[in-house]
Each structure stands twice: as structure tokens, then as C-alpha cells.
N, C-alpha and C. Protein backbone atom coordinates (compact mmCIF):
# COMPACT_ATOMS: atom_id res chain seq x y z
N MET A 1 39.04 51.13 40.79
CA MET A 1 40.24 50.46 40.74
C MET A 1 40.05 49.32 41.82
N LEU A 2 40.36 47.94 41.54
CA LEU A 2 40.37 46.83 42.11
C LEU A 2 41.71 46.55 42.39
N LEU A 3 42.33 46.20 44.07
CA LEU A 3 43.37 45.56 44.08
C LEU A 3 43.04 43.97 44.51
N SER A 4 43.95 43.22 43.95
CA SER A 4 44.04 41.77 44.16
C SER A 4 45.50 41.14 44.23
N GLY A 5 45.77 41.02 45.62
CA GLY A 5 46.75 40.52 45.72
C GLY A 5 48.05 41.49 45.38
N MET A 6 48.95 41.26 44.59
CA MET A 6 49.86 42.26 44.07
C MET A 6 49.51 42.77 42.81
N HIS A 7 48.20 42.57 42.24
CA HIS A 7 47.55 42.87 41.15
C HIS A 7 46.73 44.25 41.13
N MET A 8 46.82 45.16 40.50
CA MET A 8 46.00 46.35 40.34
C MET A 8 45.17 46.20 39.12
N ILE A 9 43.55 46.38 39.13
CA ILE A 9 42.90 46.11 38.09
C ILE A 9 42.28 47.46 38.06
N CYS A 10 42.17 48.05 36.78
CA CYS A 10 41.33 49.30 36.37
C CYS A 10 40.76 49.05 35.26
N GLU A 11 39.68 49.70 34.74
CA GLU A 11 39.17 49.50 33.41
C GLU A 11 39.03 50.72 32.77
N THR A 12 39.26 50.66 31.66
CA THR A 12 38.95 52.00 30.59
C THR A 12 38.27 51.70 29.30
N LYS A 13 37.71 52.70 28.77
CA LYS A 13 37.01 52.38 27.40
C LYS A 13 37.84 52.49 26.34
N VAL A 14 37.51 51.87 25.14
CA VAL A 14 38.34 52.34 23.82
C VAL A 14 37.50 53.16 23.26
N SER A 15 37.88 54.18 22.85
CA SER A 15 37.20 55.17 22.07
C SER A 15 36.74 54.76 20.51
N SER A 16 35.95 55.50 19.63
CA SER A 16 35.79 55.05 18.29
C SER A 16 36.97 55.16 17.55
N GLY A 17 37.93 56.14 18.07
CA GLY A 17 39.26 56.03 17.34
C GLY A 17 40.17 55.01 17.81
N TYR A 18 39.72 53.93 18.58
CA TYR A 18 40.78 52.94 19.37
C TYR A 18 41.62 53.04 19.97
N SER A 19 41.41 54.48 20.70
CA SER A 19 42.48 54.85 21.77
C SER A 19 41.72 54.73 23.24
N THR A 20 42.65 54.55 24.06
CA THR A 20 42.40 54.28 25.46
C THR A 20 43.24 55.30 26.50
N ILE A 21 42.71 55.19 27.52
CA ILE A 21 43.47 56.20 28.58
C ILE A 21 44.18 55.20 29.58
N ILE A 22 45.44 55.48 30.00
CA ILE A 22 46.11 54.84 30.92
C ILE A 22 45.58 55.43 32.31
N PRO A 23 44.95 54.67 33.20
CA PRO A 23 44.48 54.86 34.60
C PRO A 23 45.79 55.62 35.23
N ALA A 24 45.51 56.62 36.08
CA ALA A 24 46.15 57.34 36.49
C ALA A 24 47.04 56.75 37.82
N ASP A 25 46.23 55.82 38.59
CA ASP A 25 47.05 54.69 39.48
C ASP A 25 48.27 54.02 38.97
N ILE A 26 47.93 53.54 37.62
CA ILE A 26 48.75 52.56 36.93
C ILE A 26 50.07 53.40 36.35
N ARG A 27 49.67 54.74 35.81
CA ARG A 27 50.60 55.45 35.38
C ARG A 27 51.64 55.87 36.59
N LYS A 28 51.20 56.41 37.63
CA LYS A 28 51.84 56.77 38.82
C LYS A 28 52.85 55.42 39.29
N SER A 29 52.24 54.50 39.50
CA SER A 29 52.94 53.25 39.93
C SER A 29 54.34 52.70 39.22
N LEU A 30 53.96 52.82 37.71
CA LEU A 30 55.00 52.40 36.86
C LEU A 30 55.87 53.48 36.18
N GLY A 31 55.30 54.94 36.72
CA GLY A 31 56.39 55.78 36.49
C GLY A 31 56.29 56.15 34.77
N ILE A 32 54.96 56.06 34.33
CA ILE A 32 54.78 56.12 32.71
C ILE A 32 54.43 57.60 32.71
N ASN A 33 55.39 58.14 31.45
CA ASN A 33 55.04 59.71 31.12
C ASN A 33 54.82 59.79 29.75
N PRO A 34 54.31 60.84 29.51
CA PRO A 34 54.09 61.07 27.99
C PRO A 34 55.22 61.15 26.98
N GLY A 35 55.15 60.37 25.97
CA GLY A 35 56.40 59.97 25.18
C GLY A 35 56.99 58.61 25.12
N ASP A 36 56.55 57.98 26.41
CA ASP A 36 57.17 56.64 26.79
C ASP A 36 56.47 55.43 25.70
N ILE A 37 57.11 54.40 25.43
CA ILE A 37 56.66 53.58 24.55
C ILE A 37 55.92 52.45 25.52
N LEU A 38 54.88 52.11 25.12
CA LEU A 38 54.41 50.87 25.74
C LEU A 38 54.25 49.50 24.66
N GLU A 39 54.79 48.37 25.09
CA GLU A 39 54.76 47.20 24.44
C GLU A 39 53.24 46.45 24.66
N TRP A 40 52.68 46.00 23.43
CA TRP A 40 51.42 45.43 23.65
C TRP A 40 51.85 43.94 23.30
N ILE A 41 51.35 43.02 24.04
CA ILE A 41 51.58 41.50 24.01
C ILE A 41 50.61 40.59 23.88
N ILE A 42 50.12 39.80 23.02
CA ILE A 42 49.19 38.78 23.01
C ILE A 42 49.83 37.45 23.73
N ASP A 43 48.91 37.23 24.85
CA ASP A 43 49.41 35.81 25.29
C ASP A 43 48.10 35.00 25.59
N GLY A 44 47.73 34.15 24.73
CA GLY A 44 46.63 33.51 24.51
C GLY A 44 45.58 34.21 24.10
N ASN A 45 44.45 34.40 25.12
CA ASN A 45 43.39 35.11 25.26
C ASN A 45 43.53 36.53 26.12
N LYS A 46 44.91 36.82 26.38
CA LYS A 46 44.98 38.00 27.42
C LYS A 46 46.02 39.15 26.49
N ILE A 47 45.77 40.43 26.84
CA ILE A 47 46.66 41.19 26.46
C ILE A 47 47.34 41.76 27.56
N ILE A 48 48.83 41.75 27.15
CA ILE A 48 49.96 42.47 28.56
C ILE A 48 50.37 43.68 27.70
N VAL A 49 50.33 44.69 28.60
CA VAL A 49 50.83 45.89 28.26
C VAL A 49 51.85 46.20 29.29
N LYS A 50 52.95 46.71 28.69
CA LYS A 50 54.15 46.98 29.56
C LYS A 50 54.72 48.10 29.02
N PRO A 51 55.59 48.97 29.94
CA PRO A 51 56.34 50.15 29.31
C PRO A 51 57.66 49.30 28.79
N ARG A 52 58.17 50.09 27.91
CA ARG A 52 59.64 49.37 27.38
C ARG A 52 60.80 50.32 28.22
N LYS A 53 61.62 49.59 28.77
CA LYS A 53 62.87 50.01 29.41
C LYS A 53 63.43 51.00 28.60
N LYS A 54 63.49 52.33 29.05
CA LYS A 54 64.33 53.28 28.64
C LYS A 54 65.86 53.17 28.55
N THR A 55 66.22 53.30 27.39
CA THR A 55 67.61 53.13 27.19
C THR A 55 68.60 54.26 27.75
N GLN A 56 69.33 53.94 28.43
CA GLN A 56 70.29 54.76 29.18
C GLN A 56 71.67 54.92 28.48
N PHE A 57 72.47 56.04 28.47
CA PHE A 57 73.58 56.16 27.91
C PHE A 57 74.58 55.10 28.17
N GLY A 58 74.63 54.61 29.35
CA GLY A 58 75.77 53.71 29.54
C GLY A 58 75.32 52.25 28.90
N ASP A 59 73.86 51.93 28.63
CA ASP A 59 73.46 51.20 27.61
C ASP A 59 74.09 51.11 26.52
N ILE A 60 74.05 52.27 25.67
CA ILE A 60 74.88 52.39 24.62
C ILE A 60 76.17 52.49 24.50
N VAL A 61 76.95 53.05 25.54
CA VAL A 61 78.49 52.76 25.53
C VAL A 61 78.78 51.51 25.54
N GLY A 62 78.00 50.76 26.56
CA GLY A 62 78.44 49.05 26.33
C GLY A 62 78.43 48.52 25.11
N LEU A 63 77.42 49.05 24.35
CA LEU A 63 77.27 48.16 23.19
C LEU A 63 78.18 48.60 22.14
N ILE A 64 78.73 49.82 22.23
CA ILE A 64 80.09 50.48 21.43
C ILE A 64 81.20 49.68 21.95
N GLU A 65 81.15 49.75 23.18
CA GLU A 65 82.59 49.01 23.58
C GLU A 65 82.87 47.37 23.41
N GLU A 66 81.48 46.84 23.21
CA GLU A 66 81.66 45.43 22.99
C GLU A 66 81.83 45.11 21.74
N GLY A 67 81.51 46.25 20.66
CA GLY A 67 81.88 45.85 19.23
C GLY A 67 80.45 45.36 18.61
N GLY A 68 80.63 45.00 17.43
CA GLY A 68 79.47 44.38 16.98
C GLY A 68 78.98 45.39 15.92
N SER A 69 78.10 44.93 14.85
CA SER A 69 77.56 46.04 13.76
C SER A 69 76.81 47.09 14.30
N ALA A 70 76.44 48.17 13.72
CA ALA A 70 75.64 49.24 14.18
C ALA A 70 74.06 48.96 13.94
N LEU A 71 74.05 48.08 12.82
CA LEU A 71 72.45 47.42 12.79
C LEU A 71 72.11 46.57 13.76
N SER A 72 72.89 45.93 14.29
CA SER A 72 72.53 44.86 15.46
C SER A 72 72.11 45.75 16.97
N ALA A 73 73.39 46.72 16.96
CA ALA A 73 73.28 47.66 18.05
C ALA A 73 71.79 48.42 18.00
N LYS A 74 71.52 48.75 16.81
CA LYS A 74 70.16 49.49 16.77
C LYS A 74 68.95 48.70 17.05
N LYS A 75 69.10 47.41 16.63
CA LYS A 75 67.97 46.58 16.71
C LYS A 75 67.58 46.25 18.32
N ILE A 76 68.98 46.29 18.89
CA ILE A 76 68.96 45.89 20.51
C ILE A 76 68.32 47.18 20.96
N ILE A 77 68.78 48.22 20.92
CA ILE A 77 68.29 49.48 21.56
C ILE A 77 66.77 49.78 21.33
N GLN A 78 66.32 49.62 19.99
CA GLN A 78 64.91 49.77 19.63
C GLN A 78 63.93 48.61 20.27
N ASN A 79 64.44 47.47 20.54
CA ASN A 79 63.68 46.44 21.30
C ASN A 79 63.80 46.86 22.87
N GLY A 80 64.63 47.69 23.11
CA GLY A 80 64.54 48.08 24.72
C GLY A 80 65.35 47.18 25.67
N ALA A 81 66.19 46.61 25.04
CA ALA A 81 67.14 45.53 25.75
C ALA A 81 68.33 46.34 26.42
């Protein structure tokens, strides 16, 4: 692990099945647990991996109180907003 300013840099290897391990220091610092969703984003020639915000009950209640269609509410929840 290499710390660079506010950045943590770790290396992992991609297996023959295209899997990789999230380094323990990164899992702990971001609170990533089994079953959590990670978003993979391509930004030019970089890959950004970030945990998706977990939907809380209050987020869903807020959607219901605001009204709108069930389909649009489902899309918002799935996108982690």
C-alpha cells in the first residue's frame, strides 16, 4: 500500500476468471462489506471504482411522499440516489 496525499494506492491481480480482491485497507476505510454494490466508471483511460450509496428507509419514504411513478422511484433507488 502506498499513501499519496489523500490517496491510498493498492495493487491487486486480476484472476483468470477476471475477478480481483478489494484490499483490506480500502474495504475498511470505505466500510465495504459482502453484498455491497461497487460502481465501475471509465473516465478517459482511468477506472474509478466506488461503493454505491445504500438506500435507507427514509430515502424510500421520501420518494413515496413526493409522489411520482413507481417506475421512476425504482430507477432512482437502483441508481443509488
